[in-house]
Amino acid sequence: MRRTTKTVPSQSIELKMRATPKPKKDNNVLPLSVTPVSDDDSVQIEPNLTMQRPPDQSFGHRNDQSCLVQIYPADVVDGMLLIESERLLIGRDGDADLILPDHSVSRRHALITRSDNGFEIEDLDSTNGTFIAGQAVKKATLRSGDTIRLGSFLFKFLSAGSVESQYHETVYSALTRDALTGTMNKRYLVETLDRSIATAVRQQQPLSVIMVDIDHFKSVNDSYGHLVGDEVLREFGRRLGATCREDDLLARYGGEEFSLLLSATTADDAIDVAQRCRHAVCDLPFETASGPLEVTASFGVACLELTKGETGTQLIQRADRNLYEAKRSGRNRVCGTSP
């Protein structure tokens, strides 16, 4: 009998297969170099994992337990997987110890093995590669806190001795940050916006929101596949984060839409910030596995109406209306008005 992994807690689920994007003919796009693997039937994996429960209390007394915490996509296996065997085979094949039934993952994608130095991961000549902290690796020693990318999946590796302490930090990050882009997530934005509006009204200071949407992003996924789409999203978030001011809050609002919360900022100043971000996106091509891609984005700006009791939802809706006006006006532009 093969003994492989243990989970906290155990429950069977069925993962959903992602459809393989079919390349569309486009004279302005480059050939796909990140190759999806062949179709396969959906499979059952056991077990379901949960991030809502802390690690087993016995972790503190065991020095041989390491684990993987899935951080993206968070709605597939959102939990912790203990590594108890000497070898952990990861792939799309039904015989793998950790099955990831997605077209971006090879049948036998990677192997984690126990060594004298802890655990090592080896790429098994997978189609789309194995990445540690964003760098492609053939074989590497895993360190606690390493982020592992296998196809479209992201895992955090926690080593023995640090599981209990780092688990809670990992869970908090997963609840507040978007794992793919490193920006804050929608939940964190909405909660912070409500507090910021209360402060702005009390102090009678301006507050602005910018809604941002990548132009024609669906065509990127359709033409190049979701892995290249993920590359674009990561670089997009990086460019916006490097361009906005230190105290601005950048969040991924959903899909290819992002949001910026700018405290003590008038509409005119917010429009200036949006224009700088627009140029940061469109002035230089995005380097991807399929070659450089021209990317643009549209921006909608709205400033809080202090005297009208405007809510965070209403402020975002006004910024969204300006965003779609930018789309209707030709894209790659900023639209916004003073309150």
C-alpha atoms as a PDB file:
ATOM      1  CA  MET A   1       0.000   0.000   0.000  1.00  0.00           C
ATOM      2  CA  ARG A   2       1.415   3.377  -0.966  1.00  0.00           C
ATOM      3  CA  ARG A   3       1.339   5.971   1.787  1.00  0.00           C
ATOM      4  CA  THR A   4       1.614   9.501   0.445  1.00  0.00           C
ATOM      5  CA  THR A   5      -0.053  12.546   1.938  1.00  0.00           C
ATOM      6  CA  LYS A   6      -2.185  13.548   4.859  1.00  0.00           C
ATOM      7  CA  THR A   7      -4.590  16.422   5.021  1.00  0.00           C
ATOM      8  CA  VAL A   8      -6.373  18.541   7.567  1.00  0.00           C
ATOM      9  CA  PRO A   9      -9.265  17.710   7.354  1.00  0.00           C
ATOM     10  CA  SER A  10     -10.147  14.982   4.803  1.00  0.00           C
ATOM     11  CA  GLN A  11     -13.051  15.153   2.389  1.00  0.00           C
ATOM     12  CA  SER A  12     -13.453  14.193  -1.274  1.00  0.00           C
ATOM     13  CA  ILE A  13     -14.203  16.857  -3.880  1.00  0.00           C
ATOM     14  CA  GLU A  14     -14.187  17.100  -7.647  1.00  0.00           C
ATOM     15  CA  LEU A  15     -12.030  19.726  -9.285  1.00  0.00           C
ATOM     16  CA  LYS A  16     -13.353  21.534 -12.334  1.00  0.00           C
ATOM     17  CA  MET A  17     -11.474  21.244 -15.610  1.00  0.00           C
ATOM     18  CA  ARG A  18     -10.542  24.435 -17.366  1.00  0.00           C
ATOM     19  CA  ALA A  19     -11.284  24.610 -21.056  1.00  0.00           C
ATOM     20  CA  THR A  20      -8.225  24.797 -23.290  1.00  0.00           C
ATOM     21  CA  PRO A  21      -8.289  28.152 -25.104  1.00  0.00           C
ATOM     22  CA  LYS A  22      -8.394  27.733 -28.876  1.00  0.00           C
ATOM     23  CA  PRO A  23      -5.930  29.997 -30.700  1.00  0.00           C
ATOM     24  CA  LYS A  24      -7.569  32.533 -32.956  1.00  0.00           C
ATOM     25  CA  LYS A  25      -6.030  33.843 -36.134  1.00  0.00           C
ATOM     26  CA  ASP A  26      -4.711  37.342 -35.565  1.00  0.00           C
ATOM     27  CA  ASN A  27      -2.156  39.108 -37.719  1.00  0.00           C
ATOM     28  CA  ASN A  28      -0.979  41.121 -34.730  1.00  0.00           C
ATOM     29  CA  VAL A  29      -0.192  38.253 -32.379  1.00  0.00           C
ATOM     30  CA  LEU A  30       2.796  35.977 -32.065  1.00  0.00           C
ATOM     31  CA  PRO A  31       2.692  32.153 -32.117  1.00  0.00           C
ATOM     32  CA  LEU A  32       1.878  30.470 -28.844  1.00  0.00           C
ATOM     33  CA  SER A  33       4.945  29.104 -27.084  1.00  0.00           C
ATOM     34  CA  VAL A  34       3.292  28.093 -23.798  1.00  0.00           C
ATOM     35  CA  THR A  35       1.620  24.862 -24.852  1.00  0.00           C
ATOM     36  CA  PRO A  36      -1.517  23.450 -23.238  1.00  0.00           C
ATOM     37  CA  VAL A  37      -1.466  19.691 -22.824  1.00  0.00           C
ATOM     38  CA  SER A  38      -4.081  17.317 -24.165  1.00  0.00           C
ATOM     39  CA  ASP A  39      -7.616  17.041 -22.855  1.00  0.00           C
ATOM     40  CA  ASP A  40      -8.503  14.655 -20.078  1.00  0.00           C
ATOM     41  CA  ASP A  41     -11.604  13.731 -18.158  1.00  0.00           C
ATOM     42  CA  SER A  42     -12.264  15.419 -14.850  1.00  0.00           C
ATOM     43  CA  VAL A  43     -10.960  13.375 -11.951  1.00  0.00           C
ATOM     44  CA  GLN A  44     -11.621  12.973  -8.282  1.00  0.00           C
ATOM     45  CA  ILE A  45      -8.945  13.933  -5.818  1.00  0.00           C
ATOM     46  CA  GLU A  46      -8.895  13.347  -2.132  1.00  0.00           C
ATOM     47  CA  PRO A  47      -8.879  15.245   0.076  1.00  0.00           C
ATOM     48  CA  ASN A  48     -10.374  18.702   0.264  1.00  0.00           C
ATOM     49  CA  LEU A  49      -8.250  21.059   2.305  1.00  0.00           C
ATOM     50  CA  THR A  50      -9.243  24.041   4.358  1.00  0.00           C
ATOM     51  CA  MET A  51      -7.515  27.307   5.175  1.00  0.00           C
ATOM     52  CA  GLN A  52     -10.072  28.130   7.809  1.00  0.00           C
ATOM     53  CA  ARG A  53      -8.577  25.692  10.320  1.00  0.00           C
ATOM     54  CA  PRO A  54      -5.153  26.145  11.909  1.00  0.00           C
ATOM     55  CA  PRO A  55      -2.497  23.444  11.711  1.00  0.00           C
ATOM     56  CA  ASP A  56      -2.712  20.370  13.885  1.00  0.00           C
ATOM     57  CA  GLN A  57      -1.655  21.287  17.419  1.00  0.00           C
ATOM     58  CA  SER A  58       0.881  18.447  17.376  1.00  0.00           C
ATOM     59  CA  PHE A  59       2.960  20.309  14.759  1.00  0.00           C
ATOM     60  CA  GLY A  60       4.902  22.014  17.487  1.00  0.00           C
ATOM     61  CA  HIS A  61       6.149  18.634  18.704  1.00  0.00           C
ATOM     62  CA  ARG A  62       6.974  17.156  15.307  1.00  0.00           C
ATOM     63  CA  ASN A  63      10.061  18.152  13.350  1.00  0.00           C
ATOM     64  CA  ASP A  64       9.474  16.181  10.168  1.00  0.00           C
ATOM     65  CA  GLN A  65       6.281  17.776   8.888  1.00  0.00           C
ATOM     66  CA  SER A  66       6.343  20.158   5.923  1.00  0.00           C
ATOM     67  CA  CYS A  67       3.373  21.240   3.865  1.00  0.00           C
ATOM     68  CA  LEU A  68       2.086  22.945   0.749  1.00  0.00           C
ATOM     69  CA  VAL A  69      -0.542  25.669   1.039  1.00  0.00           C
ATOM     70  CA  GLN A  70      -2.379  26.434  -2.187  1.00  0.00           C
ATOM     71  CA  ILE A  71      -2.698  30.177  -2.637  1.00  0.00           C
ATOM     72  CA  TYR A  72      -3.883  30.401  -6.262  1.00  0.00           C
ATOM     73  CA  PRO A  73      -6.472  29.721  -7.447  1.00  0.00           C
ATOM     74  CA  ALA A  74      -7.907  29.937  -3.958  1.00  0.00           C
ATOM     75  CA  ASP A  75     -11.260  28.408  -4.891  1.00  0.00           C
ATOM     76  CA  VAL A  76      -9.916  25.007  -5.961  1.00  0.00           C
ATOM     77  CA  VAL A  77      -8.012  23.458  -3.045  1.00  0.00           C
ATOM     78  CA  ASP A  78      -7.895  26.205  -0.475  1.00  0.00           C
ATOM     79  CA  GLY A  79      -5.946  24.568   2.258  1.00  0.00           C
ATOM     80  CA  MET A  80      -2.907  22.784   3.584  1.00  0.00           C
ATOM     81  CA  LEU A  81      -1.405  19.522   2.365  1.00  0.00           C
ATOM     82  CA  LEU A  82       1.032  17.746   4.673  1.00  0.00           C
ATOM     83  CA  ILE A  83       4.006  16.047   3.019  1.00  0.00           C
ATOM     84  CA  GLU A  84       4.603  12.813   4.901  1.00  0.00           C
ATOM     85  CA  SER A  85       6.082  10.534   2.251  1.00  0.00           C
ATOM     86  CA  GLU A  86       9.607  10.475   0.838  1.00  0.00           C
ATOM     87  CA  ARG A  87       8.306  11.369  -2.639  1.00  0.00           C
ATOM     88  CA  LEU A  88       5.363  13.482  -3.753  1.00  0.00           C
ATOM     89  CA  LEU A  89       4.495  13.256  -7.444  1.00  0.00           C
ATOM     90  CA  ILE A  90       2.521  16.216  -8.756  1.00  0.00           C
ATOM     91  CA  GLY A  91       0.703  16.217 -12.073  1.00  0.00           C
ATOM     92  CA  ARG A  92      -2.483  15.789 -14.026  1.00  0.00           C
ATOM     93  CA  ASP A  93      -2.250  11.999 -14.188  1.00  0.00           C
ATOM     94  CA  GLY A  94      -4.621  10.005 -12.029  1.00  0.00           C
ATOM     95  CA  ASP A  95      -1.676   8.156 -10.465  1.00  0.00           C
ATOM     96  CA  ALA A  96      -0.074  11.352  -9.134  1.00  0.00           C
ATOM     97  CA  ASP A  97       0.018  11.884  -5.376  1.00  0.00           C
ATOM     98  CA  LEU A  98      -1.218  15.467  -5.819  1.00  0.00           C
ATOM     99  CA  ILE A  99      -3.529  15.679  -8.834  1.00  0.00           C
ATOM    100  CA  LEU A 100      -3.951  19.071 -10.522  1.00  0.00           C
ATOM    101  CA  PRO A 101      -6.402  18.413 -13.372  1.00  0.00           C
ATOM    102  CA  ASP A 102      -5.750  21.515 -15.447  1.00  0.00           C
ATOM    103  CA  HIS A 103      -4.492  21.886 -19.016  1.00  0.00           C
ATOM    104  CA  SER A 104      -1.557  23.983 -17.859  1.00  0.00           C
ATOM    105  CA  VAL A 105      -0.208  21.057 -15.786  1.00  0.00           C
ATOM    106  CA  SER A 106       1.578  18.083 -17.374  1.00  0.00           C
ATOM    107  CA  ARG A 107       0.587  14.513 -16.537  1.00  0.00           C
ATOM    108  CA  ARG A 108       3.827  14.086 -14.573  1.00  0.00           C
ATOM    109  CA  HIS A 109       4.795  17.664 -13.856  1.00  0.00           C
ATOM    110  CA  ALA A 110       7.109  17.756 -10.826  1.00  0.00           C
ATOM    111  CA  LEU A 111       8.454  15.578  -8.040  1.00  0.00           C
ATOM    112  CA  ILE A 112       9.118  16.642  -4.443  1.00  0.00           C
ATOM    113  CA  THR A 113      11.560  14.386  -2.588  1.00  0.00           C
ATOM    114  CA  ARG A 114      12.932  14.367   0.935  1.00  0.00           C
ATOM    115  CA  SER A 115      16.706  14.897   1.151  1.00  0.00           C
ATOM    116  CA  ASP A 116      19.302  15.443   3.859  1.00  0.00           C
ATOM    117  CA  ASN A 117      18.702  19.197   3.472  1.00  0.00           C
ATOM    118  CA  GLY A 118      14.929  19.007   3.706  1.00  0.00           C
ATOM    119  CA  PHE A 119      12.897  18.768   0.506  1.00  0.00           C
ATOM    120  CA  GLU A 120      13.846  19.209  -3.139  1.00  0.00           C
ATOM    121  CA  ILE A 121      11.608  19.796  -6.140  1.00  0.00           C
ATOM    122  CA  GLU A 122      12.440  18.536  -9.630  1.00  0.00           C
ATOM    123  CA  ASP A 123      10.709  19.449 -12.868  1.00  0.00           C
ATOM    124  CA  LEU A 124       9.883  16.304 -14.857  1.00  0.00           C
ATOM    125  CA  ASP A 125      10.325  17.886 -18.300  1.00  0.00           C
ATOM    126  CA  SER A 126       6.897  19.456 -17.977  1.00  0.00           C
ATOM    127  CA  THR A 127       5.426  21.420 -20.866  1.00  0.00           C
ATOM    128  CA  ASN A 128       5.102  24.713 -19.015  1.00  0.00           C
ATOM    129  CA  GLY A 129       7.869  24.376 -16.434  1.00  0.00           C
ATOM    130  CA  THR A 130       8.239  24.586 -12.669  1.00  0.00           C
ATOM    131  CA  PHE A 131       8.973  27.962 -11.088  1.00  0.00           C
ATOM    132  CA  ILE A 132      10.285  28.964  -7.668  1.00  0.00           C
ATOM    133  CA  ALA A 133       9.837  32.641  -6.783  1.00  0.00           C
ATOM    134  CA  GLY A 134       9.213  33.367 -10.457  1.00  0.00           C
ATOM    135  CA  GLN A 135      12.365  31.605 -11.710  1.00  0.00           C
ATOM    136  CA  ALA A 136      12.251  28.454 -13.825  1.00  0.00           C
ATOM    137  CA  VAL A 137      14.055  25.558 -12.144  1.00  0.00           C
ATOM    138  CA  LYS A 138      15.056  22.039 -13.161  1.00  0.00           C
ATOM    139  CA  LYS A 139      15.893  20.996  -9.609  1.00  0.00           C
ATOM    140  CA  ALA A 140      16.037  23.101  -6.457  1.00  0.00           C
ATOM    141  CA  THR A 141      16.049  22.819  -2.673  1.00  0.00           C
ATOM    142  CA  LEU A 142      12.848  24.194  -1.172  1.00  0.00           C
ATOM    143  CA  ARG A 143      13.075  26.822   1.533  1.00  0.00           C
ATOM    144  CA  SER A 144      10.279  27.711   3.897  1.00  0.00           C
ATOM    145  CA  GLY A 145       8.133  30.436   2.364  1.00  0.00           C
ATOM    146  CA  ASP A 146       9.031  29.594  -1.246  1.00  0.00           C
ATOM    147  CA  THR A 147       6.260  30.174  -3.785  1.00  0.00           C
ATOM    148  CA  ILE A 148       5.973  27.294  -6.271  1.00  0.00           C
ATOM    149  CA  ARG A 149       4.236  27.771  -9.609  1.00  0.00           C
ATOM    150  CA  LEU A 150       3.060  24.676 -11.472  1.00  0.00           C
ATOM    151  CA  GLY A 151       1.108  25.687 -14.546  1.00  0.00           C
ATOM    152  CA  SER A 152      -1.594  28.048 -13.338  1.00  0.00           C
ATOM    153  CA  PHE A 153      -1.342  26.866  -9.699  1.00  0.00           C
ATOM    154  CA  LEU A 154       0.591  28.644  -6.940  1.00  0.00           C
ATOM    155  CA  PHE A 155       1.641  26.927  -3.710  1.00  0.00           C
ATOM    156  CA  LYS A 156       3.480  28.184  -0.645  1.00  0.00           C
ATOM    157  CA  PHE A 157       5.963  25.689   0.808  1.00  0.00           C
ATOM    158  CA  LEU A 158       6.262  25.699   4.602  1.00  0.00           C
ATOM    159  CA  SER A 159       9.105  23.677   6.086  1.00  0.00           C
ATOM    160  CA  ALA A 160       9.147  21.584   9.232  1.00  0.00           C
ATOM    161  CA  GLY A 161       9.460  23.686  12.359  1.00  0.00           C
ATOM    162  CA  SER A 162       7.834  26.766  10.841  1.00  0.00           C
ATOM    163  CA  VAL A 163       4.470  25.401   9.747  1.00  0.00           C
ATOM    164  CA  GLU A 164       2.476  26.658  12.722  1.00  0.00           C
ATOM    165  CA  SER A 165       3.952  30.175  12.756  1.00  0.00           C
ATOM    166  CA  GLN A 166       4.008  30.742   8.987  1.00  0.00           C
ATOM    167  CA  TYR A 167       0.657  29.141   8.323  1.00  0.00           C
ATOM    168  CA  HIS A 168      -1.279  31.979   9.950  1.00  0.00           C
ATOM    169  CA  GLU A 169       0.770  34.579   8.074  1.00  0.00           C
ATOM    170  CA  THR A 170       0.120  32.730   4.825  1.00  0.00           C
ATOM    171  CA  VAL A 171      -3.608  32.546   5.510  1.00  0.00           C
ATOM    172  CA  TYR A 172      -3.782  36.270   6.334  1.00  0.00           C
ATOM    173  CA  SER A 173      -1.947  37.094   3.126  1.00  0.00           C
ATOM    174  CA  ALA A 174      -4.308  34.848   1.157  1.00  0.00           C
ATOM    175  CA  LEU A 175      -7.298  36.640   2.671  1.00  0.00           C
ATOM    176  CA  THR A 176      -6.010  40.146   1.885  1.00  0.00           C
ATOM    177  CA  ARG A 177      -3.745  39.831  -1.166  1.00  0.00           C
ATOM    178  CA  ASP A 178      -4.224  38.592  -4.686  1.00  0.00           C
ATOM    179  CA  ALA A 179      -1.698  35.765  -4.962  1.00  0.00           C
ATOM    180  CA  LEU A 180      -1.190  36.096  -8.706  1.00  0.00           C
ATOM    181  CA  THR A 181      -0.334  39.808  -8.862  1.00  0.00           C
ATOM    182  CA  GLY A 182       0.764  40.514  -5.304  1.00  0.00           C
ATOM    183  CA  THR A 183      -1.660  43.443  -5.061  1.00  0.00           C
ATOM    184  CA  MET A 184      -4.328  43.680  -2.388  1.00  0.00           C
ATOM    185  CA  ASN A 185      -7.629  41.966  -3.168  1.00  0.00           C
ATOM    186  CA  LYS A 186     -11.174  43.280  -3.546  1.00  0.00           C
ATOM    187  CA  ARG A 187     -12.202  42.336  -0.024  1.00  0.00           C
ATOM    188  CA  TYR A 188      -9.359  44.343   1.502  1.00  0.00           C
ATOM    189  CA  LEU A 189     -10.072  47.302  -0.808  1.00  0.00           C
ATOM    190  CA  VAL A 190     -13.765  47.483   0.075  1.00  0.00           C
ATOM    191  CA  GLU A 191     -13.110  47.281   3.817  1.00  0.00           C
ATOM    192  CA  THR A 192     -10.378  49.935   3.627  1.00  0.00           C
ATOM    193  CA  LEU A 193     -12.502  52.185   1.416  1.00  0.00           C
ATOM    194  CA  ASP A 194     -15.319  52.285   3.951  1.00  0.00           C
ATOM    195  CA  ARG A 195     -12.900  53.345   6.700  1.00  0.00           C
ATOM    196  CA  SER A 196     -11.187  55.868   4.426  1.00  0.00           C
ATOM    197  CA  ILE A 197     -14.494  57.484   3.485  1.00  0.00           C
ATOM    198  CA  ALA A 198     -15.394  57.929   7.152  1.00  0.00           C
ATOM    199  CA  THR A 199     -12.016  59.593   7.768  1.00  0.00           C
ATOM    200  CA  ALA A 200     -12.332  61.816   4.685  1.00  0.00           C
ATOM    201  CA  VAL A 201     -15.791  63.019   5.710  1.00  0.00           C
ATOM    202  CA  ARG A 202     -14.694  63.669   9.291  1.00  0.00           C
ATOM    203  CA  GLN A 203     -11.613  65.622   8.186  1.00  0.00           C
ATOM    204  CA  GLN A 204     -13.284  67.147   5.106  1.00  0.00           C
ATOM    205  CA  GLN A 205     -10.486  65.945   2.845  1.00  0.00           C
ATOM    206  CA  PRO A 206     -10.777  64.733  -0.748  1.00  0.00           C
ATOM    207  CA  LEU A 207     -10.620  61.048  -1.618  1.00  0.00           C
ATOM    208  CA  SER A 208     -10.523  59.504  -5.082  1.00  0.00           C
ATOM    209  CA  VAL A 209     -10.923  56.075  -6.645  1.00  0.00           C
ATOM    210  CA  ILE A 210      -9.536  54.923  -9.987  1.00  0.00           C
ATOM    211  CA  MET A 211     -10.982  51.870 -11.724  1.00  0.00           C
ATOM    212  CA  VAL A 212      -8.694  50.273 -14.301  1.00  0.00           C
ATOM    213  CA  ASP A 213      -9.391  47.628 -16.931  1.00  0.00           C
ATOM    214  CA  ILE A 214      -6.917  45.992 -19.336  1.00  0.00           C
ATOM    215  CA  ASP A 215      -8.073  46.553 -22.912  1.00  0.00           C
ATOM    216  CA  HIS A 216      -8.889  43.462 -25.005  1.00  0.00           C
ATOM    217  CA  PHE A 217      -7.587  41.123 -22.326  1.00  0.00           C
ATOM    218  CA  LYS A 218      -9.877  38.299 -23.448  1.00  0.00           C
ATOM    219  CA  SER A 219      -8.060  38.200 -26.784  1.00  0.00           C
ATOM    220  CA  VAL A 220      -4.777  37.632 -24.914  1.00  0.00           C
ATOM    221  CA  ASN A 221      -6.209  34.552 -23.205  1.00  0.00           C
ATOM    222  CA  ASP A 222      -7.879  33.341 -26.390  1.00  0.00           C
ATOM    223  CA  SER A 223      -4.779  33.792 -28.556  1.00  0.00           C
ATOM    224  CA  TYR A 224      -1.973  32.835 -26.191  1.00  0.00           C
ATOM    225  CA  GLY A 225      -3.566  30.880 -23.364  1.00  0.00           C
ATOM    226  CA  HIS A 226      -4.167  31.609 -19.711  1.00  0.00           C
ATOM    227  CA  LEU A 227      -0.536  31.241 -18.642  1.00  0.00           C
ATOM    228  CA  VAL A 228       0.474  34.168 -20.853  1.00  0.00           C
ATOM    229  CA  GLY A 229      -2.612  35.991 -19.578  1.00  0.00           C
ATOM    230  CA  ASP A 230      -1.314  35.430 -16.052  1.00  0.00           C
ATOM    231  CA  GLU A 231       2.063  36.860 -17.075  1.00  0.00           C
ATOM    232  CA  VAL A 232       0.333  39.982 -18.370  1.00  0.00           C
ATOM    233  CA  LEU A 233      -1.658  40.350 -15.141  1.00  0.00           C
ATOM    234  CA  ARG A 234       1.470  40.018 -12.990  1.00  0.00           C
ATOM    235  CA  GLU A 235       3.414  42.567 -15.020  1.00  0.00           C
ATOM    236  CA  PHE A 236       0.408  44.896 -15.142  1.00  0.00           C
ATOM    237  CA  GLY A 237       0.139  44.838 -11.349  1.00  0.00           C
ATOM    238  CA  ARG A 238       3.890  45.380 -11.022  1.00  0.00           C
ATOM    239  CA  ARG A 239       3.849  48.424 -13.305  1.00  0.00           C
ATOM    240  CA  LEU A 240       0.900  50.038 -11.566  1.00  0.00           C
ATOM    241  CA  GLY A 241       2.444  49.374  -8.158  1.00  0.00           C
ATOM    242  CA  ALA A 242       5.750  50.914  -9.222  1.00  0.00           C
ATOM    243  CA  THR A 243       4.022  54.005 -10.621  1.00  0.00           C
ATOM    244  CA  CYS A 244       1.430  54.927  -8.000  1.00  0.00           C
ATOM    245  CA  ARG A 245       2.399  56.751  -4.834  1.00  0.00           C
ATOM    246  CA  GLU A 246       3.603  55.015  -1.678  1.00  0.00           C
ATOM    247  CA  ASP A 247       0.400  55.603   0.303  1.00  0.00           C
ATOM    248  CA  ASP A 248      -1.967  54.681  -2.559  1.00  0.00           C
ATOM    249  CA  LEU A 249      -3.771  51.353  -2.259  1.00  0.00           C
ATOM    250  CA  LEU A 250      -3.667  49.142  -5.356  1.00  0.00           C
ATOM    251  CA  ALA A 251      -6.007  46.138  -5.516  1.00  0.00           C
ATOM    252  CA  ARG A 252      -7.066  43.599  -8.073  1.00  0.00           C
ATOM    253  CA  TYR A 253     -10.820  44.087  -8.211  1.00  0.00           C
ATOM    254  CA  GLY A 254     -11.537  40.998 -10.282  1.00  0.00           C
ATOM    255  CA  GLY A 255     -10.377  39.409 -13.525  1.00  0.00           C
ATOM    256  CA  GLU A 256      -8.467  42.045 -15.494  1.00  0.00           C
ATOM    257  CA  GLU A 257      -9.924  44.948 -13.479  1.00  0.00           C
ATOM    258  CA  PHE A 258      -7.884  46.777 -10.840  1.00  0.00           C
ATOM    259  CA  SER A 259      -8.621  49.662  -8.492  1.00  0.00           C
ATOM    260  CA  LEU A 260      -6.608  52.429  -6.860  1.00  0.00           C
ATOM    261  CA  LEU A 261      -7.702  54.129  -3.630  1.00  0.00           C
ATOM    262  CA  LEU A 262      -6.124  57.577  -3.282  1.00  0.00           C
ATOM    263  CA  SER A 263      -6.582  59.341   0.056  1.00  0.00           C
ATOM    264  CA  ALA A 264      -6.282  63.144   0.327  1.00  0.00           C
ATOM    265  CA  THR A 265      -6.355  63.343  -3.467  1.00  0.00           C
ATOM    266  CA  THR A 266      -8.501  65.618  -5.629  1.00  0.00           C
ATOM    267  CA  ALA A 267     -10.017  64.507  -8.921  1.00  0.00           C
ATOM    268  CA  ASP A 268      -7.449  66.499 -10.911  1.00  0.00           C
ATOM    269  CA  ASP A 269      -4.551  64.909  -8.996  1.00  0.00           C
ATOM    270  CA  ALA A 270      -6.125  61.474  -9.386  1.00  0.00           C
ATOM    271  CA  ILE A 271      -6.383  62.004 -13.142  1.00  0.00           C
ATOM    272  CA  ASP A 272      -2.655  62.836 -13.180  1.00  0.00           C
ATOM    273  CA  VAL A 273      -1.910  59.584 -11.320  1.00  0.00           C
ATOM    274  CA  ALA A 274      -4.078  57.653 -13.777  1.00  0.00           C
ATOM    275  CA  GLN A 275      -2.282  59.199 -16.757  1.00  0.00           C
ATOM    276  CA  ARG A 276       1.101  58.203 -15.340  1.00  0.00           C
ATOM    277  CA  CYS A 277      -0.155  54.665 -14.830  1.00  0.00           C
ATOM    278  CA  ARG A 278      -1.564  54.573 -18.358  1.00  0.00           C
ATOM    279  CA  HIS A 279       1.810  55.530 -19.818  1.00  0.00           C
ATOM    280  CA  ALA A 280       3.574  52.984 -17.594  1.00  0.00           C
ATOM    281  CA  VAL A 281       1.377  50.304 -19.193  1.00  0.00           C
ATOM    282  CA  CYS A 282       1.354  51.320 -22.860  1.00  0.00           C
ATOM    283  CA  ASP A 283       4.786  52.869 -23.425  1.00  0.00           C
ATOM    284  CA  LEU A 284       6.729  49.567 -23.291  1.00  0.00           C
ATOM    285  CA  PRO A 285       5.628  46.096 -24.513  1.00  0.00           C
ATOM    286  CA  PHE A 286       5.028  43.339 -21.961  1.00  0.00           C
ATOM    287  CA  GLU A 287       7.628  40.560 -22.176  1.00  0.00           C
ATOM    288  CA  THR A 288       5.933  37.159 -22.104  1.00  0.00           C
ATOM    289  CA  ALA A 289       6.716  33.543 -22.964  1.00  0.00           C
ATOM    290  CA  SER A 290       5.101  34.210 -26.349  1.00  0.00           C
ATOM    291  CA  GLY A 291       7.191  37.299 -26.988  1.00  0.00           C
ATOM    292  CA  PRO A 292       6.522  41.005 -26.423  1.00  0.00           C
ATOM    293  CA  LEU A 293       2.864  42.073 -26.334  1.00  0.00           C
ATOM    294  CA  GLU A 294       1.428  45.557 -26.695  1.00  0.00           C
ATOM    295  CA  VAL A 295      -0.913  46.183 -23.761  1.00  0.00           C
ATOM    296  CA  THR A 296      -3.110  49.174 -23.014  1.00  0.00           C
ATOM    297  CA  ALA A 297      -5.648  49.964 -20.301  1.00  0.00           C
ATOM    298  CA  SER A 298      -8.591  52.266 -19.700  1.00  0.00           C
ATOM    299  CA  PHE A 299      -9.061  54.317 -16.535  1.00  0.00           C
ATOM    300  CA  GLY A 300     -12.109  55.781 -14.798  1.00  0.00           C
ATOM    301  CA  VAL A 301     -11.686  58.366 -12.019  1.00  0.00           C
ATOM    302  CA  ALA A 302     -14.186  59.534  -9.398  1.00  0.00           C
ATOM    303  CA  CYS A 303     -13.745  61.814  -6.379  1.00  0.00           C
ATOM    304  CA  LEU A 304     -15.833  61.410  -3.216  1.00  0.00           C
ATOM    305  CA  GLU A 305     -18.846  63.724  -2.877  1.00  0.00           C
ATOM    306  CA  LEU A 306     -18.303  64.744   0.745  1.00  0.00           C
ATOM    307  CA  THR A 307     -21.613  66.534   1.279  1.00  0.00           C
ATOM    308  CA  LYS A 308     -23.894  63.861  -0.208  1.00  0.00           C
ATOM    309  CA  GLY A 309     -23.234  60.928   2.100  1.00  0.00           C
ATOM    310  CA  GLU A 310     -21.787  58.884  -0.754  1.00  0.00           C
ATOM    311  CA  THR A 311     -20.928  55.270   0.071  1.00  0.00           C
ATOM    312  CA  GLY A 312     -17.958  53.256  -1.107  1.00  0.00           C
ATOM    313  CA  THR A 313     -20.182  51.269  -3.458  1.00  0.00           C
ATOM    314  CA  GLN A 314     -21.558  54.442  -5.018  1.00  0.00           C
ATOM    315  CA  LEU A 315     -18.070  55.909  -5.434  1.00  0.00           C
ATOM    316  CA  ILE A 316     -16.833  52.762  -7.178  1.00  0.00           C
ATOM    317  CA  GLN A 317     -19.910  52.761  -9.414  1.00  0.00           C
ATOM    318  CA  ARG A 318     -19.186  56.331 -10.534  1.00  0.00           C
ATOM    319  CA  ALA A 319     -15.560  55.431 -11.263  1.00  0.00           C
ATOM    320  CA  ASP A 320     -16.799  52.365 -13.171  1.00  0.00           C
ATOM    321  CA  ARG A 321     -19.111  54.525 -15.305  1.00  0.00           C
ATOM    322  CA  ASN A 322     -16.169  56.742 -16.197  1.00  0.00           C
ATOM    323  CA  LEU A 323     -14.102  53.631 -16.955  1.00  0.00           C
ATOM    324  CA  TYR A 324     -16.682  52.403 -19.452  1.00  0.00           C
ATOM    325  CA  GLU A 325     -16.877  55.863 -20.968  1.00  0.00           C
ATOM    326  CA  ALA A 326     -13.138  55.554 -21.572  1.00  0.00           C
ATOM    327  CA  LYS A 327     -13.819  52.188 -23.233  1.00  0.00           C
ATOM    328  CA  ARG A 328     -16.558  53.626 -25.434  1.00  0.00           C
ATOM    329  CA  SER A 329     -14.332  56.565 -26.375  1.00  0.00           C
ATOM    330  CA  GLY A 330     -11.656  54.328 -27.872  1.00  0.00           C
ATOM    331  CA  ARG A 331      -9.782  52.746 -24.928  1.00  0.00           C
ATOM    332  CA  ASN A 332      -6.271  53.540 -23.691  1.00  0.00           C
ATOM    333  CA  ARG A 333      -7.457  56.748 -22.071  1.00  0.00           C
ATOM    334  CA  VAL A 334      -8.517  58.317 -18.762  1.00  0.00           C
ATOM    335  CA  CYS A 335     -12.010  59.628 -18.072  1.00  0.00           C
ATOM    336  CA  GLY A 336     -13.014  61.430 -14.895  1.00  0.00           C
ATOM    337  CA  THR A 337     -14.780  64.463 -13.526  1.00  0.00           C
ATOM    338  CA  SER A 338     -14.741  66.475 -10.316  1.00  0.00           C
ATOM    339  CA  PRO A 339     -17.615  65.877  -7.877  1.00  0.00           C
END
